[in-house]
Amino acid sequence: MSSTKRQQTMAKRNRERAVEEKRTLKRLKKQAAKAEKAAGGPMADGPMADGPMADEPMADEPMAAEPTEAEPDVE
């Protein structure tokens, strides 16, 4: 047995980064749907309104909204 640790490959790092980005986008999408529902918008009677986690925050979800670079604030 080798006593040294194996170096992590770039492919594994890229996969892990992709998974984390996907989770972040999903969390932001849920937060947007929740805010839309609270505002009484068109999503209020959508399929996510009746979901089991509609009113409960996710365990790893931060309380404050995170700014994103993918969605610029355009009005």
C-alpha atoms as a PDB file:
ATOM      1  CA  MET A   1       0.000   0.000   0.000  1.00  0.00           C
ATOM      2  CA  SER A   2       1.130   3.478  -0.762  1.00  0.00           C
ATOM      3  CA  SER A   3       1.431   5.968   2.071  1.00  0.00           C
ATOM      4  CA  THR A   4       1.044   9.001  -0.192  1.00  0.00           C
ATOM      5  CA  LYS A   5      -2.270  10.424  -1.315  1.00  0.00           C
ATOM      6  CA  ARG A   6      -3.136  10.408  -4.993  1.00  0.00           C
ATOM      7  CA  GLN A   7      -3.492  13.748  -6.686  1.00  0.00           C
ATOM      8  CA  GLN A   8      -7.007  14.687  -7.778  1.00  0.00           C
ATOM      9  CA  THR A   9      -7.423  14.855 -11.539  1.00  0.00           C
ATOM     10  CA  MET A  10      -8.613  17.900 -13.430  1.00  0.00           C
ATOM     11  CA  ALA A  11     -11.517  15.889 -14.849  1.00  0.00           C
ATOM     12  CA  LYS A  12     -12.797  15.139 -11.354  1.00  0.00           C
ATOM     13  CA  ARG A  13     -12.452  18.779 -10.335  1.00  0.00           C
ATOM     14  CA  ASN A  14     -14.365  19.869 -13.431  1.00  0.00           C
ATOM     15  CA  ARG A  15     -17.160  17.361 -12.709  1.00  0.00           C
ATOM     16  CA  GLU A  16     -17.433  18.539  -9.106  1.00  0.00           C
ATOM     17  CA  ARG A  17     -17.508  22.189 -10.217  1.00  0.00           C
ATOM     18  CA  ALA A  18     -20.247  21.426 -12.749  1.00  0.00           C
ATOM     19  CA  VAL A  19     -22.350  19.689 -10.083  1.00  0.00           C
ATOM     20  CA  GLU A  20     -21.919  22.620  -7.698  1.00  0.00           C
ATOM     21  CA  GLU A  21     -22.916  25.125 -10.392  1.00  0.00           C
ATOM     22  CA  LYS A  22     -25.989  23.052 -11.239  1.00  0.00           C
ATOM     23  CA  ARG A  23     -27.022  22.946  -7.568  1.00  0.00           C
ATOM     24  CA  THR A  24     -26.522  26.706  -7.239  1.00  0.00           C
ATOM     25  CA  LEU A  25     -28.662  27.400 -10.314  1.00  0.00           C
ATOM     26  CA  LYS A  26     -31.390  25.097  -9.003  1.00  0.00           C
ATOM     27  CA  ARG A  27     -31.319  26.830  -5.608  1.00  0.00           C
ATOM     28  CA  LEU A  28     -31.571  30.274  -7.256  1.00  0.00           C
ATOM     29  CA  LYS A  29     -34.444  29.079  -9.440  1.00  0.00           C
ATOM     30  CA  LYS A  30     -36.313  27.829  -6.365  1.00  0.00           C
ATOM     31  CA  GLN A  31     -35.684  31.112  -4.548  1.00  0.00           C
ATOM     32  CA  ALA A  32     -37.026  33.058  -7.547  1.00  0.00           C
ATOM     33  CA  ALA A  33     -40.132  30.875  -7.690  1.00  0.00           C
ATOM     34  CA  LYS A  34     -40.673  31.314  -3.956  1.00  0.00           C
ATOM     35  CA  ALA A  35     -40.317  35.104  -4.257  1.00  0.00           C
ATOM     36  CA  GLU A  36     -42.713  35.126  -7.208  1.00  0.00           C
ATOM     37  CA  LYS A  37     -45.228  33.105  -5.203  1.00  0.00           C
ATOM     38  CA  ALA A  38     -44.893  35.462  -2.226  1.00  0.00           C
ATOM     39  CA  ALA A  39     -45.457  38.438  -4.522  1.00  0.00           C
ATOM     40  CA  GLY A  40     -48.611  36.816  -5.899  1.00  0.00           C
ATOM     41  CA  GLY A  41     -47.262  36.601  -9.420  1.00  0.00           C
ATOM     42  CA  PRO A  42     -48.151  34.146 -12.201  1.00  0.00           C
ATOM     43  CA  MET A  43     -46.145  31.348 -10.546  1.00  0.00           C
ATOM     44  CA  ALA A  44     -48.416  31.438  -7.467  1.00  0.00           C
ATOM     45  CA  ASP A  45     -50.644  28.651  -8.802  1.00  0.00           C
ATOM     46  CA  GLY A  46     -47.893  26.777 -10.672  1.00  0.00           C
ATOM     47  CA  PRO A  47     -46.664  23.238 -10.031  1.00  0.00           C
ATOM     48  CA  MET A  48     -43.969  24.330  -7.560  1.00  0.00           C
ATOM     49  CA  ALA A  49     -46.559  25.969  -5.285  1.00  0.00           C
ATOM     50  CA  ASP A  50     -47.854  22.588  -4.137  1.00  0.00           C
ATOM     51  CA  GLY A  51     -44.417  20.946  -3.730  1.00  0.00           C
ATOM     52  CA  PRO A  52     -43.359  19.549  -0.357  1.00  0.00           C
ATOM     53  CA  MET A  53     -40.483  22.022  -0.045  1.00  0.00           C
ATOM     54  CA  ALA A  54     -42.331  25.120  -1.266  1.00  0.00           C
ATOM     55  CA  ASP A  55     -42.198  26.886   2.116  1.00  0.00           C
ATOM     56  CA  GLU A  56     -39.144  25.214   3.650  1.00  0.00           C
ATOM     57  CA  PRO A  57     -35.585  26.419   2.961  1.00  0.00           C
ATOM     58  CA  MET A  58     -33.037  23.841   1.891  1.00  0.00           C
ATOM     59  CA  ALA A  59     -30.554  22.694   4.535  1.00  0.00           C
ATOM     60  CA  ASP A  60     -27.528  24.048   2.658  1.00  0.00           C
ATOM     61  CA  GLU A  61     -29.342  27.149   1.385  1.00  0.00           C
ATOM     62  CA  PRO A  62     -27.988  30.466   2.681  1.00  0.00           C
ATOM     63  CA  MET A  63     -30.504  32.903   4.087  1.00  0.00           C
ATOM     64  CA  ALA A  64     -29.427  35.840   1.875  1.00  0.00           C
ATOM     65  CA  ALA A  65     -29.703  35.717  -1.904  1.00  0.00           C
ATOM     66  CA  GLU A  66     -26.410  35.258  -3.707  1.00  0.00           C
ATOM     67  CA  PRO A  67     -25.588  37.603  -6.594  1.00  0.00           C
ATOM     68  CA  THR A  68     -25.056  35.860  -9.894  1.00  0.00           C
ATOM     69  CA  GLU A  69     -23.003  36.813 -12.896  1.00  0.00           C
ATOM     70  CA  ALA A  70     -25.207  34.807 -15.267  1.00  0.00           C
ATOM     71  CA  GLU A  71     -28.303  36.947 -14.694  1.00  0.00           C
ATOM     72  CA  PRO A  72     -27.586  40.694 -15.025  1.00  0.00           C
ATOM     73  CA  ASP A  73     -30.167  43.048 -13.551  1.00  0.00           C
ATOM     74  CA  VAL A  74     -31.781  44.605 -16.625  1.00  0.00           C
ATOM     75  CA  GLU A  75     -34.907  46.723 -16.417  1.00  0.00           C
END
